[in-house]
Amino acid sequence: KKGGYILGICNGFQMLLELGLLKGAMRRNENLNFVSKYHHLKVISNNNKFLANLAKDEVVNIPIAHGEGNYYTDEDTLKSLYDNEQVLLKYCDSHGNEINPNGSVDSIAAICDESKRIFGLMPHPERACEKILGTDDGMKMLKGLVW
């Protein structure tokens, strides 16, 4: 209410969903296994402070590590998320082609609320902030909220 931003990463995203601050729910991964690896993400909407430093359709490489990362929502809510540019990132390959590591509806990896002030994502940008870690793509995301 005072103009701040909220970023929920992994379990933080799950909490934002449980609290009703973001729409949808998390389920166990489709294969019922914990997934831990680097994964490519495609920017679907950058019309927000979080992804403002990234281009629409840009592909970034960010680690994922979750057992319950299967994002789910009903069809009406899904349509609303797209209509309001609230779907931010989708899982993909290095060329931007959709690849789904956990069964998330429509390969969704990140969403935001209607005000574009509350953000939730399963991938871990904080683990991708220096080239020595394999990529600094996470820093591009996080800079949007910090600088």
C-alpha atoms as a PDB file:
ATOM      1  CA  LYS A   1       0.000   0.000   0.000  1.00  0.00           C
ATOM      2  CA  LYS A   2       2.976   2.299   0.502  1.00  0.00           C
ATOM      3  CA  GLY A   3       4.434   1.755  -2.941  1.00  0.00           C
ATOM      4  CA  GLY A   4       6.910  -1.020  -2.203  1.00  0.00           C
ATOM      5  CA  TYR A   5       7.581  -4.233  -4.098  1.00  0.00           C
ATOM      6  CA  ILE A   6       7.457  -7.877  -3.032  1.00  0.00           C
ATOM      7  CA  LEU A   7       9.533 -10.603  -4.679  1.00  0.00           C
ATOM      8  CA  GLY A   8       8.836 -14.225  -3.789  1.00  0.00           C
ATOM      9  CA  ILE A   9      11.426 -16.712  -5.051  1.00  0.00           C
ATOM     10  CA  CYS A  10      10.696 -20.469  -4.922  1.00  0.00           C
ATOM     11  CA  ASN A  11       9.124 -21.095  -1.486  1.00  0.00           C
ATOM     12  CA  GLY A  12       8.471 -17.350  -1.319  1.00  0.00           C
ATOM     13  CA  PHE A  13       6.359 -17.689  -4.471  1.00  0.00           C
ATOM     14  CA  GLN A  14       4.483 -20.566  -2.844  1.00  0.00           C
ATOM     15  CA  MET A  15       3.771 -18.367   0.193  1.00  0.00           C
ATOM     16  CA  LEU A  16       2.469 -15.507  -1.963  1.00  0.00           C
ATOM     17  CA  LEU A  17       0.076 -17.989  -3.593  1.00  0.00           C
ATOM     18  CA  GLU A  18      -1.025 -19.444  -0.232  1.00  0.00           C
ATOM     19  CA  LEU A  19      -1.650 -15.932   1.125  1.00  0.00           C
ATOM     20  CA  GLY A  20      -3.755 -15.072  -1.920  1.00  0.00           C
ATOM     21  CA  LEU A  21      -1.452 -12.237  -2.992  1.00  0.00           C
ATOM     22  CA  LEU A  22      -0.916 -14.018  -6.321  1.00  0.00           C
ATOM     23  CA  LYS A  23      -3.399 -16.178  -8.214  1.00  0.00           C
ATOM     24  CA  GLY A  24      -2.999 -19.924  -8.571  1.00  0.00           C
ATOM     25  CA  ALA A  25      -1.423 -22.749  -6.588  1.00  0.00           C
ATOM     26  CA  MET A  26       1.644 -24.986  -6.559  1.00  0.00           C
ATOM     27  CA  ARG A  27       1.569 -28.756  -6.901  1.00  0.00           C
ATOM     28  CA  ARG A  28       4.235 -31.445  -6.792  1.00  0.00           C
ATOM     29  CA  ASN A  29       6.330 -31.663  -9.926  1.00  0.00           C
ATOM     30  CA  GLU A  30       4.644 -33.759 -12.578  1.00  0.00           C
ATOM     31  CA  ASN A  31       7.369 -36.435 -12.391  1.00  0.00           C
ATOM     32  CA  LEU A  32       7.232 -36.337  -8.549  1.00  0.00           C
ATOM     33  CA  ASN A  33      11.008 -35.722  -8.425  1.00  0.00           C
ATOM     34  CA  PHE A  34      13.022 -32.813  -7.094  1.00  0.00           C
ATOM     35  CA  VAL A  35      14.474 -30.870 -10.044  1.00  0.00           C
ATOM     36  CA  SER A  36      17.769 -28.986  -9.637  1.00  0.00           C
ATOM     37  CA  LYS A  37      19.534 -27.583 -12.705  1.00  0.00           C
ATOM     38  CA  TYR A  38      20.044 -24.505 -14.830  1.00  0.00           C
ATOM     39  CA  HIS A  39      17.048 -23.864 -17.054  1.00  0.00           C
ATOM     40  CA  HIS A  40      16.287 -21.327 -19.751  1.00  0.00           C
ATOM     41  CA  LEU A  41      13.422 -18.885 -19.355  1.00  0.00           C
ATOM     42  CA  LYS A  42      11.738 -16.710 -21.956  1.00  0.00           C
ATOM     43  CA  VAL A  43      10.582 -13.199 -21.063  1.00  0.00           C
ATOM     44  CA  ILE A  44       6.870 -12.986 -21.862  1.00  0.00           C
ATOM     45  CA  SER A  45       6.180  -9.568 -20.350  1.00  0.00           C
ATOM     46  CA  ASN A  46       8.703  -6.927 -19.320  1.00  0.00           C
ATOM     47  CA  ASN A  47       6.022  -4.311 -18.648  1.00  0.00           C
ATOM     48  CA  ASN A  48       7.033  -4.241 -14.978  1.00  0.00           C
ATOM     49  CA  LYS A  49       9.881  -3.036 -12.790  1.00  0.00           C
ATOM     50  CA  PHE A  50      11.252  -6.540 -12.117  1.00  0.00           C
ATOM     51  CA  LEU A  51      11.992  -7.431 -15.752  1.00  0.00           C
ATOM     52  CA  ALA A  52      12.382  -3.924 -17.175  1.00  0.00           C
ATOM     53  CA  ASN A  53      16.090  -4.584 -17.889  1.00  0.00           C
ATOM     54  CA  LEU A  54      15.253  -7.556 -20.120  1.00  0.00           C
ATOM     55  CA  ALA A  55      13.770  -7.509 -23.620  1.00  0.00           C
ATOM     56  CA  LYS A  56      10.482  -9.211 -24.457  1.00  0.00           C
ATOM     57  CA  ASP A  57      11.257 -12.710 -25.828  1.00  0.00           C
ATOM     58  CA  GLU A  58      14.809 -12.573 -24.397  1.00  0.00           C
ATOM     59  CA  VAL A  59      16.042 -15.948 -23.131  1.00  0.00           C
ATOM     60  CA  VAL A  60      17.937 -16.114 -19.825  1.00  0.00           C
ATOM     61  CA  ASN A  61      19.555 -19.044 -18.007  1.00  0.00           C
ATOM     62  CA  ILE A  62      18.564 -19.319 -14.337  1.00  0.00           C
ATOM     63  CA  PRO A  63      18.836 -22.221 -11.847  1.00  0.00           C
ATOM     64  CA  ILE A  64      15.745 -24.055 -10.663  1.00  0.00           C
ATOM     65  CA  ALA A  65      15.578 -26.209  -7.528  1.00  0.00           C
ATOM     66  CA  HIS A  66      12.168 -27.448  -6.426  1.00  0.00           C
ATOM     67  CA  GLY A  67       9.983 -30.453  -5.770  1.00  0.00           C
ATOM     68  CA  GLU A  68       6.711 -28.512  -5.787  1.00  0.00           C
ATOM     69  CA  GLY A  69       7.163 -26.125  -8.702  1.00  0.00           C
ATOM     70  CA  ASN A  70       4.200 -27.195 -10.801  1.00  0.00           C
ATOM     71  CA  TYR A  71       2.216 -23.930 -11.082  1.00  0.00           C
ATOM     72  CA  TYR A  72      -1.504 -24.419 -11.604  1.00  0.00           C
ATOM     73  CA  THR A  73      -4.465 -22.157 -12.217  1.00  0.00           C
ATOM     74  CA  ASP A  74      -7.841 -22.542 -13.898  1.00  0.00           C
ATOM     75  CA  GLU A  75      -8.450 -21.486 -17.515  1.00  0.00           C
ATOM     76  CA  ASP A  76     -10.316 -18.261 -16.660  1.00  0.00           C
ATOM     77  CA  THR A  77      -7.525 -17.085 -14.366  1.00  0.00           C
ATOM     78  CA  LEU A  78      -4.908 -18.091 -16.942  1.00  0.00           C
ATOM     79  CA  LYS A  79      -6.658 -15.987 -19.587  1.00  0.00           C
ATOM     80  CA  SER A  80      -6.837 -13.054 -17.160  1.00  0.00           C
ATOM     81  CA  LEU A  81      -3.112 -13.368 -16.360  1.00  0.00           C
ATOM     82  CA  TYR A  82      -2.251 -13.167 -20.062  1.00  0.00           C
ATOM     83  CA  ASP A  83      -4.743 -10.369 -20.772  1.00  0.00           C
ATOM     84  CA  ASN A  84      -3.213  -8.252 -17.984  1.00  0.00           C
ATOM     85  CA  GLU A  85       0.427  -9.061 -18.879  1.00  0.00           C
ATOM     86  CA  GLN A  86       0.911 -10.871 -15.572  1.00  0.00           C
ATOM     87  CA  VAL A  87       2.655 -13.926 -17.047  1.00  0.00           C
ATOM     88  CA  LEU A  88       6.292 -12.855 -16.865  1.00  0.00           C
ATOM     89  CA  LEU A  89       8.490 -15.878 -17.632  1.00  0.00           C
ATOM     90  CA  LYS A  90       8.016 -19.292 -19.226  1.00  0.00           C
ATOM     91  CA  TYR A  91      10.315 -22.310 -19.221  1.00  0.00           C
ATOM     92  CA  CYS A  92      12.026 -22.848 -22.580  1.00  0.00           C
ATOM     93  CA  ASP A  93      15.142 -24.149 -24.322  1.00  0.00           C
ATOM     94  CA  SER A  94      18.087 -21.950 -25.333  1.00  0.00           C
ATOM     95  CA  HIS A  95      16.221 -20.929 -28.509  1.00  0.00           C
ATOM     96  CA  GLY A  96      13.021 -19.888 -26.728  1.00  0.00           C
ATOM     97  CA  ASN A  97      11.039 -23.027 -27.567  1.00  0.00           C
ATOM     98  CA  GLU A  98       8.773 -24.130 -24.744  1.00  0.00           C
ATOM     99  CA  ILE A  99      10.153 -26.928 -22.527  1.00  0.00           C
ATOM    100  CA  ASN A 100       8.434 -27.744 -19.263  1.00  0.00           C
ATOM    101  CA  PRO A 101      10.577 -29.217 -16.437  1.00  0.00           C
ATOM    102  CA  ASN A 102       7.828 -29.610 -13.833  1.00  0.00           C
ATOM    103  CA  GLY A 103       4.369 -29.682 -15.454  1.00  0.00           C
ATOM    104  CA  SER A 104       3.466 -26.038 -14.822  1.00  0.00           C
ATOM    105  CA  VAL A 105       0.381 -24.943 -16.704  1.00  0.00           C
ATOM    106  CA  ASP A 106       1.491 -23.369 -19.992  1.00  0.00           C
ATOM    107  CA  SER A 107       5.148 -23.720 -18.822  1.00  0.00           C
ATOM    108  CA  ILE A 108       4.740 -20.676 -16.547  1.00  0.00           C
ATOM    109  CA  ALA A 109       7.762 -19.908 -14.347  1.00  0.00           C
ATOM    110  CA  ALA A 110       6.807 -16.434 -13.034  1.00  0.00           C
ATOM    111  CA  ILE A 111       3.764 -14.205 -12.598  1.00  0.00           C
ATOM    112  CA  CYS A 112       2.874 -10.911 -10.930  1.00  0.00           C
ATOM    113  CA  ASP A 113      -0.238  -9.333  -9.465  1.00  0.00           C
ATOM    114  CA  GLU A 114      -2.397  -6.815 -11.340  1.00  0.00           C
ATOM    115  CA  SER A 115      -0.561  -3.835  -9.801  1.00  0.00           C
ATOM    116  CA  LYS A 116       2.775  -5.252 -11.040  1.00  0.00           C
ATOM    117  CA  ARG A 117       4.221  -4.758  -7.550  1.00  0.00           C
ATOM    118  CA  ILE A 118       4.126  -8.366  -6.297  1.00  0.00           C
ATOM    119  CA  PHE A 119       6.242 -10.897  -8.198  1.00  0.00           C
ATOM    120  CA  GLY A 120       6.568 -14.647  -7.798  1.00  0.00           C
ATOM    121  CA  LEU A 121       8.902 -17.050  -9.574  1.00  0.00           C
ATOM    122  CA  MET A 122      10.149 -20.592  -9.009  1.00  0.00           C
ATOM    123  CA  PRO A 123      13.635 -20.104 -10.565  1.00  0.00           C
ATOM    124  CA  HIS A 124      16.455 -18.652  -8.434  1.00  0.00           C
ATOM    125  CA  PRO A 125      17.904 -15.439  -9.948  1.00  0.00           C
ATOM    126  CA  GLU A 126      19.898 -14.850  -6.745  1.00  0.00           C
ATOM    127  CA  ARG A 127      21.950 -17.944  -7.668  1.00  0.00           C
ATOM    128  CA  ALA A 128      22.877 -16.486 -11.062  1.00  0.00           C
ATOM    129  CA  CYS A 129      24.467 -13.127 -10.294  1.00  0.00           C
ATOM    130  CA  GLU A 130      28.106 -13.697 -11.243  1.00  0.00           C
ATOM    131  CA  LYS A 131      29.707 -15.244 -14.330  1.00  0.00           C
ATOM    132  CA  ILE A 132      31.814 -17.482 -12.072  1.00  0.00           C
ATOM    133  CA  LEU A 133      28.533 -19.194 -11.091  1.00  0.00           C
ATOM    134  CA  GLY A 134      27.799 -19.946 -14.749  1.00  0.00           C
ATOM    135  CA  THR A 135      25.687 -16.912 -15.611  1.00  0.00           C
ATOM    136  CA  ASP A 136      24.887 -13.436 -14.378  1.00  0.00           C
ATOM    137  CA  ASP A 137      21.420 -13.388 -15.970  1.00  0.00           C
ATOM    138  CA  GLY A 138      19.850 -13.261 -12.503  1.00  0.00           C
ATOM    139  CA  MET A 139      21.501  -9.922 -11.810  1.00  0.00           C
ATOM    140  CA  LYS A 140      19.692  -8.422 -14.812  1.00  0.00           C
ATOM    141  CA  MET A 141      16.392  -9.371 -13.198  1.00  0.00           C
ATOM    142  CA  LEU A 142      17.217  -8.282  -9.677  1.00  0.00           C
ATOM    143  CA  LYS A 143      18.628  -4.916 -10.772  1.00  0.00           C
ATOM    144  CA  GLY A 144      15.148  -3.965 -11.970  1.00  0.00           C
ATOM    145  CA  LEU A 145      13.851  -3.925  -8.403  1.00  0.00           C
ATOM    146  CA  VAL A 146      16.969  -2.607  -6.696  1.00  0.00           C
ATOM    147  CA  TRP A 147      18.352   0.086  -8.980  1.00  0.00           C
END
